[in-house]
Amino acid sequence: TVLQGDGNLWWTGAIVLGMRFAYQRNAEFIIWLNDDCQFTKET
C-alpha cells in the first residue's frame, strides 16, 4: 500500500499518517522501518 503525502509530512508526519491508517485497520502491532535499514530474516 502506498500513501501519498505532499512533501510536507517529513518523517514524523509520514509515520503519523501510516499509524492512523494501520490503527483504523485493526493493527495489533506497528513497525516503524526506515528504508535504509538492512536486516535478516529473523529481525
PDB file of all heavy atoms in Angstrom:
ATOM      1  N   THR A   1       0.848  -1.192   0.000  1.00  0.00           N
ATOM      2  CA  THR A   1       0.000   0.000   0.000  1.00  0.00           C
ATOM      3  C   THR A   1       0.883   1.242   0.000  1.00  0.00           C
ATOM      4  O   THR A   1       1.845   1.320   0.767  1.00  0.00           O
ATOM      5  CB  THR A   1      -0.914   0.024   1.236  1.00  0.00           C
ATOM      6  OG1 THR A   1      -1.746  -1.135   1.220  1.00  0.00           O
ATOM      7  CG2 THR A   1      -1.775   1.281   1.258  1.00  0.00           C
ATOM      8  N   VAL A   2       0.564   2.204  -0.871  1.00  0.00           N
ATOM      9  CA  VAL A   2       1.305   3.460  -0.920  1.00  0.00           C
ATOM     10  C   VAL A   2       0.370   4.594  -0.522  1.00  0.00           C
ATOM     11  O   VAL A   2      -0.670   4.810  -1.154  1.00  0.00           O
ATOM     12  CB  VAL A   2       1.895   3.726  -2.318  1.00  0.00           C
ATOM     13  CG1 VAL A   2       2.632   5.079  -2.337  1.00  0.00           C
ATOM     14  CG2 VAL A   2       2.849   2.604  -2.728  1.00  0.00           C
ATOM     15  N   LEU A   3       0.736   5.306   0.555  1.00  0.00           N
ATOM     16  CA  LEU A   3       0.006   6.505   0.964  1.00  0.00           C
ATOM     17  C   LEU A   3       0.782   7.721   0.479  1.00  0.00           C
ATOM     18  O   LEU A   3       1.991   7.806   0.688  1.00  0.00           O
ATOM     19  CB  LEU A   3      -0.148   6.555   2.493  1.00  0.00           C
ATOM     20  CG  LEU A   3      -0.806   5.353   3.158  1.00  0.00           C
ATOM     21  CD1 LEU A   3      -0.881   5.579   4.673  1.00  0.00           C
ATOM     22  CD2 LEU A   3      -2.196   5.100   2.590  1.00  0.00           C
ATOM     23  N   GLN A   4       0.096   8.648  -0.137  1.00  0.00           N
ATOM     24  CA  GLN A   4       0.768   9.802  -0.728  1.00  0.00           C
ATOM     25  C   GLN A   4       0.723  11.014   0.197  1.00  0.00           C
ATOM     26  O   GLN A   4      -0.313  11.336   0.765  1.00  0.00           O
ATOM     27  CB  GLN A   4       0.119  10.159  -2.068  1.00  0.00           C
ATOM     28  CG  GLN A   4       0.331   9.126  -3.161  1.00  0.00           C
ATOM     29  CD  GLN A   4       1.775   9.035  -3.629  1.00  0.00           C
ATOM     30  OE1 GLN A   4       2.577   9.932  -3.390  1.00  0.00           O
ATOM     31  NE2 GLN A   4       2.117   7.947  -4.297  1.00  0.00           N
ATOM     32  N   GLY A   5       1.880  11.670   0.329  1.00  0.00           N
ATOM     33  CA  GLY A   5       1.975  12.946   1.018  1.00  0.00           C
ATOM     34  C   GLY A   5       2.277  14.040   0.004  1.00  0.00           C
ATOM     35  O   GLY A   5       2.535  13.761  -1.172  1.00  0.00           O
ATOM     36  N   ASP A   6       2.289  15.275   0.476  1.00  0.00           N
ATOM     37  CA  ASP A   6       2.518  16.400  -0.432  1.00  0.00           C
ATOM     38  C   ASP A   6       3.920  16.984  -0.316  1.00  0.00           C
ATOM     39  O   ASP A   6       4.205  18.048  -0.860  1.00  0.00           O
ATOM     40  CB  ASP A   6       1.482  17.498  -0.168  1.00  0.00           C
ATOM     41  CG  ASP A   6       1.555  18.046   1.256  1.00  0.00           C
ATOM     42  OD1 ASP A   6       2.429  17.613   2.029  1.00  0.00           O
ATOM     43  OD2 ASP A   6       0.713  18.909   1.589  1.00  0.00           O
ATOM     44  N   GLY A   7       4.815  16.293   0.400  1.00  0.00           N
ATOM     45  CA  GLY A   7       6.165  16.791   0.578  1.00  0.00           C
ATOM     46  C   GLY A   7       6.366  17.561   1.864  1.00  0.00           C
ATOM     47  O   GLY A   7       7.482  17.991   2.164  1.00  0.00           O
ATOM     48  N   ASN A   8       5.298  17.721   2.645  1.00  0.00           N
ATOM     49  CA  ASN A   8       5.385  18.477   3.891  1.00  0.00           C
ATOM     50  C   ASN A   8       5.191  17.609   5.131  1.00  0.00           C
ATOM     51  O   ASN A   8       5.077  18.137   6.232  1.00  0.00           O
ATOM     52  CB  ASN A   8       4.333  19.595   3.892  1.00  0.00           C
ATOM     53  CG  ASN A   8       4.614  20.639   2.828  1.00  0.00           C
ATOM     54  OD1 ASN A   8       5.710  21.180   2.758  1.00  0.00           O
ATOM     55  ND2 ASN A   8       3.629  20.903   1.979  1.00  0.00           N
ATOM     56  N   LEU A   9       5.160  16.294   4.958  1.00  0.00           N
ATOM     57  CA  LEU A   9       4.959  15.413   6.115  1.00  0.00           C
ATOM     58  C   LEU A   9       6.243  15.241   6.923  1.00  0.00           C
ATOM     59  O   LEU A   9       6.210  15.194   8.139  1.00  0.00           O
ATOM     60  CB  LEU A   9       4.475  14.037   5.648  1.00  0.00           C
ATOM     61  CG  LEU A   9       3.069  13.947   5.075  1.00  0.00           C
ATOM     62  CD1 LEU A   9       2.819  12.527   4.554  1.00  0.00           C
ATOM     63  CD2 LEU A   9       2.031  14.318   6.126  1.00  0.00           C
ATOM     64  N   TRP A  10       7.365  15.110   6.230  1.00  0.00           N
ATOM     65  CA  TRP A  10       8.621  14.766   6.847  1.00  0.00           C
ATOM     66  C   TRP A  10       8.473  13.431   7.586  1.00  0.00           C
ATOM     67  O   TRP A  10       7.500  12.721   7.377  1.00  0.00           O
ATOM     68  CB  TRP A  10       9.121  15.891   7.752  1.00  0.00           C
ATOM     69  CG  TRP A  10       9.426  17.142   6.961  1.00  0.00           C
ATOM     70  CD1 TRP A  10       8.525  18.125   6.606  1.00  0.00           C
ATOM     71  CD2 TRP A  10      10.671  17.503   6.362  1.00  0.00           C
ATOM     72  NE1 TRP A  10       9.142  19.086   5.848  1.00  0.00           N
ATOM     73  CE2 TRP A  10      10.464  18.732   5.696  1.00  0.00           C
ATOM     74  CE3 TRP A  10      11.947  16.947   6.358  1.00  0.00           C
ATOM     75  CZ2 TRP A  10      11.488  19.389   5.002  1.00  0.00           C
ATOM     76  CZ3 TRP A  10      12.955  17.600   5.684  1.00  0.00           C
ATOM     77  CH2 TRP A  10      12.723  18.800   5.012  1.00  0.00           C
ATOM     78  N   TRP A  11       9.469  13.061   8.421  1.00  0.00           N
ATOM     79  CA  TRP A  11       9.436  11.714   9.000  1.00  0.00           C
ATOM     80  C   TRP A  11       8.252  11.532   9.947  1.00  0.00           C
ATOM     81  O   TRP A  11       7.480  10.580   9.827  1.00  0.00           O
ATOM     82  CB  TRP A  11      10.745  11.423   9.760  1.00  0.00           C
ATOM     83  CG  TRP A  11      10.818   9.998  10.247  1.00  0.00           C
ATOM     84  CD1 TRP A  11      11.317   8.923   9.561  1.00  0.00           C
ATOM     85  CD2 TRP A  11      10.343   9.487  11.501  1.00  0.00           C
ATOM     86  NE1 TRP A  11      11.192   7.777  10.318  1.00  0.00           N
ATOM     87  CE2 TRP A  11      10.599   8.095  11.517  1.00  0.00           C
ATOM     88  CE3 TRP A  11       9.734  10.068  12.617  1.00  0.00           C
ATOM     89  CZ2 TRP A  11      10.269   7.277  12.602  1.00  0.00           C
ATOM     90  CZ3 TRP A  11       9.397   9.251  13.695  1.00  0.00           C
ATOM     91  CH2 TRP A  11       9.671   7.867  13.675  1.00  0.00           C
ATOM     92  N   THR A  12       8.094  12.444  10.877  1.00  0.00           N
ATOM     93  CA  THR A  12       7.067  12.242  11.903  1.00  0.00           C
ATOM     94  C   THR A  12       5.670  12.300  11.316  1.00  0.00           C
ATOM     95  O   THR A  12       4.801  11.485  11.649  1.00  0.00           O
ATOM     96  CB  THR A  12       7.212  13.270  13.036  1.00  0.00           C
ATOM     97  OG1 THR A  12       8.581  13.315  13.462  1.00  0.00           O
ATOM     98  CG2 THR A  12       6.329  12.917  14.212  1.00  0.00           C
ATOM     99  N   GLY A  13       5.426  13.246  10.425  1.00  0.00           N
ATOM    100  CA  GLY A  13       4.110  13.349   9.796  1.00  0.00           C
ATOM    101  C   GLY A  13       3.783  12.112   8.980  1.00  0.00           C
ATOM    102  O   GLY A  13       2.635  11.638   8.967  1.00  0.00           O
ATOM    103  N   ALA A  14       4.794  11.573   8.289  1.00  0.00           N
ATOM    104  CA  ALA A  14       4.575  10.360   7.497  1.00  0.00           C
ATOM    105  C   ALA A  14       4.262   9.176   8.408  1.00  0.00           C
ATOM    106  O   ALA A  14       3.361   8.372   8.125  1.00  0.00           O
ATOM    107  CB  ALA A  14       5.813  10.073   6.649  1.00  0.00           C
ATOM    108  N   ILE A  15       4.981   9.076   9.520  1.00  0.00           N
ATOM    109  CA  ILE A  15       4.731   7.990  10.469  1.00  0.00           C
ATOM    110  C   ILE A  15       3.332   8.109  11.068  1.00  0.00           C
ATOM    111  O   ILE A  15       2.608   7.111  11.228  1.00  0.00           O
ATOM    112  CB  ILE A  15       5.809   7.991  11.575  1.00  0.00           C
ATOM    113  CG1 ILE A  15       7.111   7.388  11.042  1.00  0.00           C
ATOM    114  CG2 ILE A  15       5.338   7.248  12.815  1.00  0.00           C
ATOM    115  CD1 ILE A  15       7.036   5.910  10.704  1.00  0.00           C
ATOM    116  N   VAL A  16       2.915   9.323  11.390  1.00  0.00           N
ATOM    117  CA  VAL A  16       1.566   9.519  11.944  1.00  0.00           C
ATOM    118  C   VAL A  16       0.505   9.105  10.932  1.00  0.00           C
ATOM    119  O   VAL A  16      -0.473   8.420  11.276  1.00  0.00           O
ATOM    120  CB  VAL A  16       1.362  10.980  12.386  1.00  0.00           C
ATOM    121  CG1 VAL A  16      -0.105  11.236  12.733  1.00  0.00           C
ATOM    122  CG2 VAL A  16       2.238  11.305  13.584  1.00  0.00           C
ATOM    123  N   LEU A  17       0.680   9.502   9.670  1.00  0.00           N
ATOM    124  CA  LEU A  17      -0.274   9.111   8.626  1.00  0.00           C
ATOM    125  C   LEU A  17      -0.362   7.593   8.523  1.00  0.00           C
ATOM    126  O   LEU A  17      -1.452   7.014   8.452  1.00  0.00           O
ATOM    127  CB  LEU A  17       0.145   9.715   7.286  1.00  0.00           C
ATOM    128  CG  LEU A  17      -0.762   9.411   6.090  1.00  0.00           C
ATOM    129  CD1 LEU A  17      -2.166   9.968   6.305  1.00  0.00           C
ATOM    130  CD2 LEU A  17      -0.154   9.984   4.800  1.00  0.00           C
ATOM    131  N   GLY A  18       0.802   6.941   8.548  1.00  0.00           N
ATOM    132  CA  GLY A  18       0.815   5.478   8.476  1.00  0.00           C
ATOM    133  C   GLY A  18       0.207   4.823   9.706  1.00  0.00           C
ATOM    134  O   GLY A  18      -0.523   3.836   9.601  1.00  0.00           O
ATOM    135  N   MET A  19       0.500   5.385  10.882  1.00  0.00           N
ATOM    136  CA  MET A  19      -0.046   4.812  12.114  1.00  0.00           C
ATOM    137  C   MET A  19      -1.568   4.933  12.158  1.00  0.00           C
ATOM    138  O   MET A  19      -2.259   4.007  12.596  1.00  0.00           O
ATOM    139  CB  MET A  19       0.580   5.482  13.334  1.00  0.00           C
ATOM    140  CG  MET A  19       2.038   5.098  13.567  1.00  0.00           C
ATOM    141  SD  MET A  19       2.807   5.954  14.982  1.00  0.00           S
ATOM    142  CE  MET A  19       1.944   5.169  16.363  1.00  0.00           C
ATOM    143  N   ARG A  20      -2.096   6.055  11.731  1.00  0.00           N
ATOM    144  CA  ARG A  20      -3.554   6.217  11.687  1.00  0.00           C
ATOM    145  C   ARG A  20      -4.177   5.199  10.737  1.00  0.00           C
ATOM    146  O   ARG A  20      -5.204   4.576  11.042  1.00  0.00           O
ATOM    147  CB  ARG A  20      -3.917   7.642  11.254  1.00  0.00           C
ATOM    148  CG  ARG A  20      -3.580   8.717  12.282  1.00  0.00           C
ATOM    149  CD  ARG A  20      -4.090  10.075  11.829  1.00  0.00           C
ATOM    150  NE  ARG A  20      -3.680  11.136  12.727  1.00  0.00           N
ATOM    151  CZ  ARG A  20      -4.299  11.445  13.869  1.00  0.00           C
ATOM    152  NH1 ARG A  20      -5.375  10.754  14.232  1.00  0.00           N
ATOM    153  NH2 ARG A  20      -3.862  12.424  14.640  1.00  0.00           N
ATOM    154  N   PHE A  21      -3.544   5.020   9.583  1.00  0.00           N
ATOM    155  CA  PHE A  21      -4.023   4.051   8.598  1.00  0.00           C
ATOM    156  C   PHE A  21      -4.029   2.651   9.196  1.00  0.00           C
ATOM    157  O   PHE A  21      -5.010   1.907   9.088  1.00  0.00           O
ATOM    158  CB  PHE A  21      -3.125   4.116   7.359  1.00  0.00           C
ATOM    159  CG  PHE A  21      -3.507   3.163   6.262  1.00  0.00           C
ATOM    160  CD1 PHE A  21      -4.440   3.525   5.305  1.00  0.00           C
ATOM    161  CD2 PHE A  21      -2.916   1.899   6.181  1.00  0.00           C
ATOM    162  CE1 PHE A  21      -4.784   2.638   4.278  1.00  0.00           C
ATOM    163  CE2 PHE A  21      -3.267   1.015   5.173  1.00  0.00           C
ATOM    164  CZ  PHE A  21      -4.207   1.394   4.220  1.00  0.00           C
ATOM    165  N   ALA A  22      -2.926   2.272   9.842  1.00  0.00           N
ATOM    166  CA  ALA A  22      -2.804   0.933  10.430  1.00  0.00           C
ATOM    167  C   ALA A  22      -3.782   0.744  11.583  1.00  0.00           C
ATOM    168  O   ALA A  22      -4.433  -0.304  11.698  1.00  0.00           O
ATOM    169  CB  ALA A  22      -1.364   0.708  10.898  1.00  0.00           C
ATOM    170  N   TYR A  23      -3.897   1.755  12.435  1.00  0.00           N
ATOM    171  CA  TYR A  23      -4.774   1.661  13.600  1.00  0.00           C
ATOM    172  C   TYR A  23      -6.223   1.449  13.169  1.00  0.00           C
ATOM    173  O   TYR A  23      -6.952   0.635  13.748  1.00  0.00           O
ATOM    174  CB  TYR A  23      -4.643   2.921  14.439  1.00  0.00           C
ATOM    175  CG  TYR A  23      -5.400   2.868  15.749  1.00  0.00           C
ATOM    176  CD1 TYR A  23      -4.798   2.364  16.901  1.00  0.00           C
ATOM    177  CD2 TYR A  23      -6.717   3.315  15.836  1.00  0.00           C
ATOM    178  CE1 TYR A  23      -5.489   2.302  18.103  1.00  0.00           C
ATOM    179  CE2 TYR A  23      -7.419   3.253  17.039  1.00  0.00           C
ATOM    180  CZ  TYR A  23      -6.801   2.747  18.163  1.00  0.00           C
ATOM    181  OH  TYR A  23      -7.487   2.679  19.352  1.00  0.00           O
ATOM    182  N   GLN A  24      -6.645   2.196  12.143  1.00  0.00           N
ATOM    183  CA  GLN A  24      -8.021   2.079  11.652  1.00  0.00           C
ATOM    184  C   GLN A  24      -8.301   0.717  11.042  1.00  0.00           C
ATOM    185  O   GLN A  24      -9.459   0.327  10.891  1.00  0.00           O
ATOM    186  CB  GLN A  24      -8.303   3.182  10.632  1.00  0.00           C
ATOM    187  CG  GLN A  24      -8.335   4.578  11.252  1.00  0.00           C
ATOM    188  CD  GLN A  24      -8.279   5.683  10.210  1.00  0.00           C
ATOM    189  OE1 GLN A  24      -8.241   5.420   8.999  1.00  0.00           O
ATOM    190  NE2 GLN A  24      -8.254   6.921  10.665  1.00  0.00           N
ATOM    191  N   ARG A  25      -7.232  -0.005  10.681  1.00  0.00           N
ATOM    192  CA  ARG A  25      -7.388  -1.341  10.096  1.00  0.00           C
ATOM    193  C   ARG A  25      -7.016  -2.439  11.096  1.00  0.00           C
ATOM    194  O   ARG A  25      -6.622  -3.531  10.713  1.00  0.00           O
ATOM    195  CB  ARG A  25      -6.552  -1.430   8.809  1.00  0.00           C
ATOM    196  CG  ARG A  25      -7.238  -0.659   7.664  1.00  0.00           C
ATOM    197  CD  ARG A  25      -6.297  -0.170   6.611  1.00  0.00           C
ATOM    198  NE  ARG A  25      -7.049   0.614   5.619  1.00  0.00           N
ATOM    199  CZ  ARG A  25      -7.413   1.887   5.802  1.00  0.00           C
ATOM    200  NH1 ARG A  25      -7.107   2.519   6.922  1.00  0.00           N
ATOM    201  NH2 ARG A  25      -8.099   2.515   4.858  1.00  0.00           N
ATOM    202  N   ASN A  26      -7.168  -2.090  12.370  1.00  0.00           N
ATOM    203  CA  ASN A  26      -7.047  -3.056  13.468  1.00  0.00           C
ATOM    204  C   ASN A  26      -5.655  -3.652  13.626  1.00  0.00           C
ATOM    205  O   ASN A  26      -5.509  -4.821  14.025  1.00  0.00           O
ATOM    206  CB  ASN A  26      -8.077  -4.178  13.299  1.00  0.00           C
ATOM    207  CG  ASN A  26      -9.498  -3.649  13.290  1.00  0.00           C
ATOM    208  OD1 ASN A  26      -9.852  -2.804  14.115  1.00  0.00           O
ATOM    209  ND2 ASN A  26     -10.301  -4.117  12.343  1.00  0.00           N
ATOM    210  N   ALA A  27      -4.637  -2.873  13.338  1.00  0.00           N
ATOM    211  CA  ALA A  27      -3.270  -3.343  13.570  1.00  0.00           C
ATOM    212  C   ALA A  27      -3.089  -3.669  15.045  1.00  0.00           C
ATOM    213  O   ALA A  27      -3.469  -2.892  15.914  1.00  0.00           O
ATOM    214  CB  ALA A  27      -2.269  -2.277  13.150  1.00  0.00           C
ATOM    215  N   GLU A  28      -2.494  -4.824  15.312  1.00  0.00           N
ATOM    216  CA  GLU A  28      -2.146  -5.189  16.686  1.00  0.00           C
ATOM    217  C   GLU A  28      -0.751  -4.676  17.044  1.00  0.00           C
ATOM    218  O   GLU A  28      -0.488  -4.321  18.188  1.00  0.00           O
ATOM    219  CB  GLU A  28      -2.207  -6.703  16.855  1.00  0.00           C
ATOM    220  CG  GLU A  28      -3.604  -7.286  16.656  1.00  0.00           C
ATOM    221  CD  GLU A  28      -3.591  -8.795  16.695  1.00  0.00           C
ATOM    222  OE1 GLU A  28      -3.265  -9.339  17.772  1.00  0.00           O
ATOM    223  OE2 GLU A  28      -3.881  -9.434  15.657  1.00  0.00           O
ATOM    224  N   PHE A  29       0.110  -4.673  16.030  1.00  0.00           N
ATOM    225  CA  PHE A  29       1.468  -4.162  16.221  1.00  0.00           C
ATOM    226  C   PHE A  29       1.847  -3.312  15.012  1.00  0.00           C
ATOM    227  O   PHE A  29       1.437  -3.594  13.885  1.00  0.00           O
ATOM    228  CB  PHE A  29       2.472  -5.304  16.390  1.00  0.00           C
ATOM    229  CG  PHE A  29       2.158  -6.203  17.558  1.00  0.00           C
ATOM    230  CD1 PHE A  29       1.493  -7.397  17.361  1.00  0.00           C
ATOM    231  CD2 PHE A  29       2.501  -5.825  18.852  1.00  0.00           C
ATOM    232  CE1 PHE A  29       1.186  -8.227  18.427  1.00  0.00           C
ATOM    233  CE2 PHE A  29       2.187  -6.647  19.927  1.00  0.00           C
ATOM    234  CZ  PHE A  29       1.533  -7.843  19.720  1.00  0.00           C
ATOM    235  N   ILE A  30       2.640  -2.299  15.259  1.00  0.00           N
ATOM    236  CA  ILE A  30       3.094  -1.393  14.214  1.00  0.00           C
ATOM    237  C   ILE A  30       4.615  -1.358  14.231  1.00  0.00           C
ATOM    238  O   ILE A  30       5.227  -1.223  15.295  1.00  0.00           O
ATOM    239  CB  ILE A  30       2.529   0.022  14.433  1.00  0.00           C
ATOM    240  CG1 ILE A  30       1.005   0.017  14.251  1.00  0.00           C
ATOM    241  CG2 ILE A  30       3.183   1.032  13.488  1.00  0.00           C
ATOM    242  CD1 ILE A  30       0.330   1.306  14.676  1.00  0.00           C
ATOM    243  N   ILE A  31       5.218  -1.504  13.059  1.00  0.00           N
ATOM    244  CA  ILE A  31       6.673  -1.425  12.933  1.00  0.00           C
ATOM    245  C   ILE A  31       7.045  -0.183  12.146  1.00  0.00           C
ATOM    246  O   ILE A  31       6.565   0.017  11.026  1.00  0.00           O
ATOM    247  CB  ILE A  31       7.243  -2.677  12.227  1.00  0.00           C
ATOM    248  CG1 ILE A  31       7.018  -3.931  13.090  1.00  0.00           C
ATOM    249  CG2 ILE A  31       8.730  -2.501  11.926  1.00  0.00           C
ATOM    250  CD1 ILE A  31       7.433  -5.223  12.414  1.00  0.00           C
ATOM    251  N   TRP A  32       7.871   0.658  12.750  1.00  0.00           N
ATOM    252  CA  TRP A  32       8.482   1.763  12.006  1.00  0.00           C
ATOM    253  C   TRP A  32       9.733   1.208  11.332  1.00  0.00           C
ATOM    254  O   TRP A  32      10.560   0.547  11.967  1.00  0.00           O
ATOM    255  CB  TRP A  32       8.929   2.874  12.937  1.00  0.00           C
ATOM    256  CG  TRP A  32       7.874   3.527  13.770  1.00  0.00           C
ATOM    257  CD1 TRP A  32       6.522   3.493  13.589  1.00  0.00           C
ATOM    258  CD2 TRP A  32       8.095   4.344  14.931  1.00  0.00           C
ATOM    259  NE1 TRP A  32       5.887   4.220  14.551  1.00  0.00           N
ATOM    260  CE2 TRP A  32       6.837   4.758  15.399  1.00  0.00           C
ATOM    261  CE3 TRP A  32       9.229   4.751  15.618  1.00  0.00           C
ATOM    262  CZ2 TRP A  32       6.684   5.568  16.519  1.00  0.00           C
ATOM    263  CZ3 TRP A  32       9.102   5.556  16.733  1.00  0.00           C
ATOM    264  CH2 TRP A  32       7.827   5.965  17.176  1.00  0.00           C
ATOM    265  N   LEU A  33       9.896   1.492  10.054  1.00  0.00           N
ATOM    266  CA  LEU A  33      11.074   0.987   9.334  1.00  0.00           C
ATOM    267  C   LEU A  33      11.582   2.035   8.356  1.00  0.00           C
ATOM    268  O   LEU A  33      10.874   2.402   7.418  1.00  0.00           O
ATOM    269  CB  LEU A  33      10.727  -0.306   8.581  1.00  0.00           C
ATOM    270  CG  LEU A  33      11.847  -0.914   7.728  1.00  0.00           C
ATOM    271  CD1 LEU A  33      13.029  -1.332   8.603  1.00  0.00           C
ATOM    272  CD2 LEU A  33      11.319  -2.094   6.910  1.00  0.00           C
ATOM    273  N   ASN A  34      12.790   2.516   8.565  1.00  0.00           N
ATOM    274  CA  ASN A  34      13.426   3.391   7.586  1.00  0.00           C
ATOM    275  C   ASN A  34      13.976   2.546   6.447  1.00  0.00           C
ATOM    276  O   ASN A  34      14.528   1.458   6.672  1.00  0.00           O
ATOM    277  CB  ASN A  34      14.538   4.212   8.230  1.00  0.00           C
ATOM    278  CG  ASN A  34      13.998   5.362   9.071  1.00  0.00           C
ATOM    279  OD1 ASN A  34      12.781   5.510   9.219  1.00  0.00           O
ATOM    280  ND2 ASN A  34      14.884   6.158   9.619  1.00  0.00           N
ATOM    281  N   ASP A  35      13.867   3.052   5.231  1.00  0.00           N
ATOM    282  CA  ASP A  35      14.198   2.219   4.071  1.00  0.00           C
ATOM    283  C   ASP A  35      15.690   1.975   3.889  1.00  0.00           C
ATOM    284  O   ASP A  35      16.083   1.169   3.043  1.00  0.00           O
ATOM    285  CB  ASP A  35      13.587   2.796   2.787  1.00  0.00           C
ATOM    286  CG  ASP A  35      14.112   4.169   2.429  1.00  0.00           C
ATOM    287  OD1 ASP A  35      14.942   4.723   3.175  1.00  0.00           O
ATOM    288  OD2 ASP A  35      13.680   4.713   1.381  1.00  0.00           O
ATOM    289  N   ASP A  36      16.540   2.634   4.669  1.00  0.00           N
ATOM    290  CA  ASP A  36      17.976   2.389   4.545  1.00  0.00           C
ATOM    291  C   ASP A  36      18.490   1.377   5.565  1.00  0.00           C
ATOM    292  O   ASP A  36      19.694   1.207   5.732  1.00  0.00           O
ATOM    293  CB  ASP A  36      18.774   3.689   4.644  1.00  0.00           C
ATOM    294  CG  ASP A  36      18.480   4.485   5.907  1.00  0.00           C
ATOM    295  OD1 ASP A  36      17.774   3.953   6.793  1.00  0.00           O
ATOM    296  OD2 ASP A  36      18.937   5.630   6.006  1.00  0.00           O
ATOM    297  N   CYS A  37      17.570   0.681   6.263  1.00  0.00           N
ATOM    298  CA  CYS A  37      17.966  -0.380   7.193  1.00  0.00           C
ATOM    299  C   CYS A  37      18.138  -1.700   6.445  1.00  0.00           C
ATOM    300  O   CYS A  37      17.326  -2.046   5.584  1.00  0.00           O
ATOM    301  CB  CYS A  37      16.918  -0.567   8.287  1.00  0.00           C
ATOM    302  SG  CYS A  37      16.907   0.742   9.520  1.00  0.00           S
ATOM    303  N   GLN A  38      19.178  -2.436   6.792  1.00  0.00           N
ATOM    304  CA  GLN A  38      19.413  -3.774   6.257  1.00  0.00           C
ATOM    305  C   GLN A  38      19.369  -4.756   7.413  1.00  0.00           C
ATOM    306  O   GLN A  38      20.048  -4.556   8.426  1.00  0.00           O
ATOM    307  CB  GLN A  38      20.760  -3.827   5.530  1.00  0.00           C
ATOM    308  CG  GLN A  38      20.816  -2.899   4.324  1.00  0.00           C
ATOM    309  CD  GLN A  38      22.158  -2.945   3.618  1.00  0.00           C
ATOM    310  OE1 GLN A  38      23.142  -3.478   4.124  1.00  0.00           O
ATOM    311  NE2 GLN A  38      22.210  -2.373   2.423  1.00  0.00           N
ATOM    312  N   PHE A  39      18.590  -5.838   7.252  1.00  0.00           N
ATOM    313  CA  PHE A  39      18.333  -6.738   8.378  1.00  0.00           C
ATOM    314  C   PHE A  39      18.183  -8.164   7.881  1.00  0.00           C
ATOM    315  O   PHE A  39      18.248  -8.427   6.667  1.00  0.00           O
ATOM    316  CB  PHE A  39      17.072  -6.287   9.122  1.00  0.00           C
ATOM    317  CG  PHE A  39      15.907  -5.982   8.209  1.00  0.00           C
ATOM    318  CD1 PHE A  39      14.982  -6.954   7.885  1.00  0.00           C
ATOM    319  CD2 PHE A  39      15.752  -4.708   7.661  1.00  0.00           C
ATOM    320  CE1 PHE A  39      13.923  -6.686   7.033  1.00  0.00           C
ATOM    321  CE2 PHE A  39      14.688  -4.424   6.813  1.00  0.00           C
ATOM    322  CZ  PHE A  39      13.773  -5.409   6.502  1.00  0.00           C
ATOM    323  N   THR A  40      17.977  -9.109   8.806  1.00  0.00           N
ATOM    324  CA  THR A  40      17.910 -10.521   8.460  1.00  0.00           C
ATOM    325  C   THR A  40      16.473 -11.040   8.521  1.00  0.00           C
ATOM    326  O   THR A  40      15.550 -10.328   8.924  1.00  0.00           O
ATOM    327  CB  THR A  40      18.771 -11.362   9.424  1.00  0.00           C
ATOM    328  OG1 THR A  40      18.129 -11.394  10.712  1.00  0.00           O
ATOM    329  CG2 THR A  40      20.168 -10.760   9.580  1.00  0.00           C
ATOM    330  N   LYS A  41      16.328 -12.293   8.172  1.00  0.00           N
ATOM    331  CA  LYS A  41      15.005 -12.922   8.153  1.00  0.00           C
ATOM    332  C   LYS A  41      14.383 -12.982   9.542  1.00  0.00           C
ATOM    333  O   LYS A  41      13.156 -12.955   9.680  1.00  0.00           O
ATOM    334  CB  LYS A  41      15.129 -14.332   7.574  1.00  0.00           C
ATOM    335  CG  LYS A  41      13.811 -15.049   7.377  1.00  0.00           C
ATOM    336  CD  LYS A  41      14.008 -16.376   6.659  1.00  0.00           C
ATOM    337  CE  LYS A  41      12.676 -17.069   6.396  1.00  0.00           C
ATOM    338  NZ  LYS A  41      12.851 -18.343   5.657  1.00  0.00           N
ATOM    339  N   GLU A  42      15.203 -13.045  10.574  1.00  0.00           N
ATOM    340  CA  GLU A  42      14.691 -13.174  11.935  1.00  0.00           C
ATOM    341  C   GLU A  42      14.371 -11.838  12.594  1.00  0.00           C
ATOM    342  O   GLU A  42      13.668 -11.797  13.614  1.00  0.00           O
ATOM    343  CB  GLU A  42      15.711 -13.915  12.813  1.00  0.00           C
ATOM    344  CG  GLU A  42      15.968 -15.359  12.424  1.00  0.00           C
ATOM    345  CD  GLU A  42      16.913 -15.490  11.236  1.00  0.00           C
ATOM    346  OE1 GLU A  42      17.651 -14.509  10.965  1.00  0.00           O
ATOM    347  OE2 GLU A  42      16.907 -16.545  10.583  1.00  0.00           O
ATOM    348  N   THR A  43      14.865 -10.743  12.026  1.00  0.00           N
ATOM    349  CA  THR A  43      14.826  -9.463  12.733  1.00  0.00           C
ATOM    350  C   THR A  43      13.415  -9.019  13.092  1.00  0.00           C
ATOM    351  O   THR A  43      13.101  -8.781  14.267  1.00  0.00           O
ATOM    352  CB  THR A  43      15.516  -8.367  11.894  1.00  0.00           C
ATOM    353  OG1 THR A  43      16.880  -8.745  11.656  1.00  0.00           O
ATOM    354  CG2 THR A  43      15.484  -7.037  12.625  1.00  0.00           C
TER     355      THR A  43
END
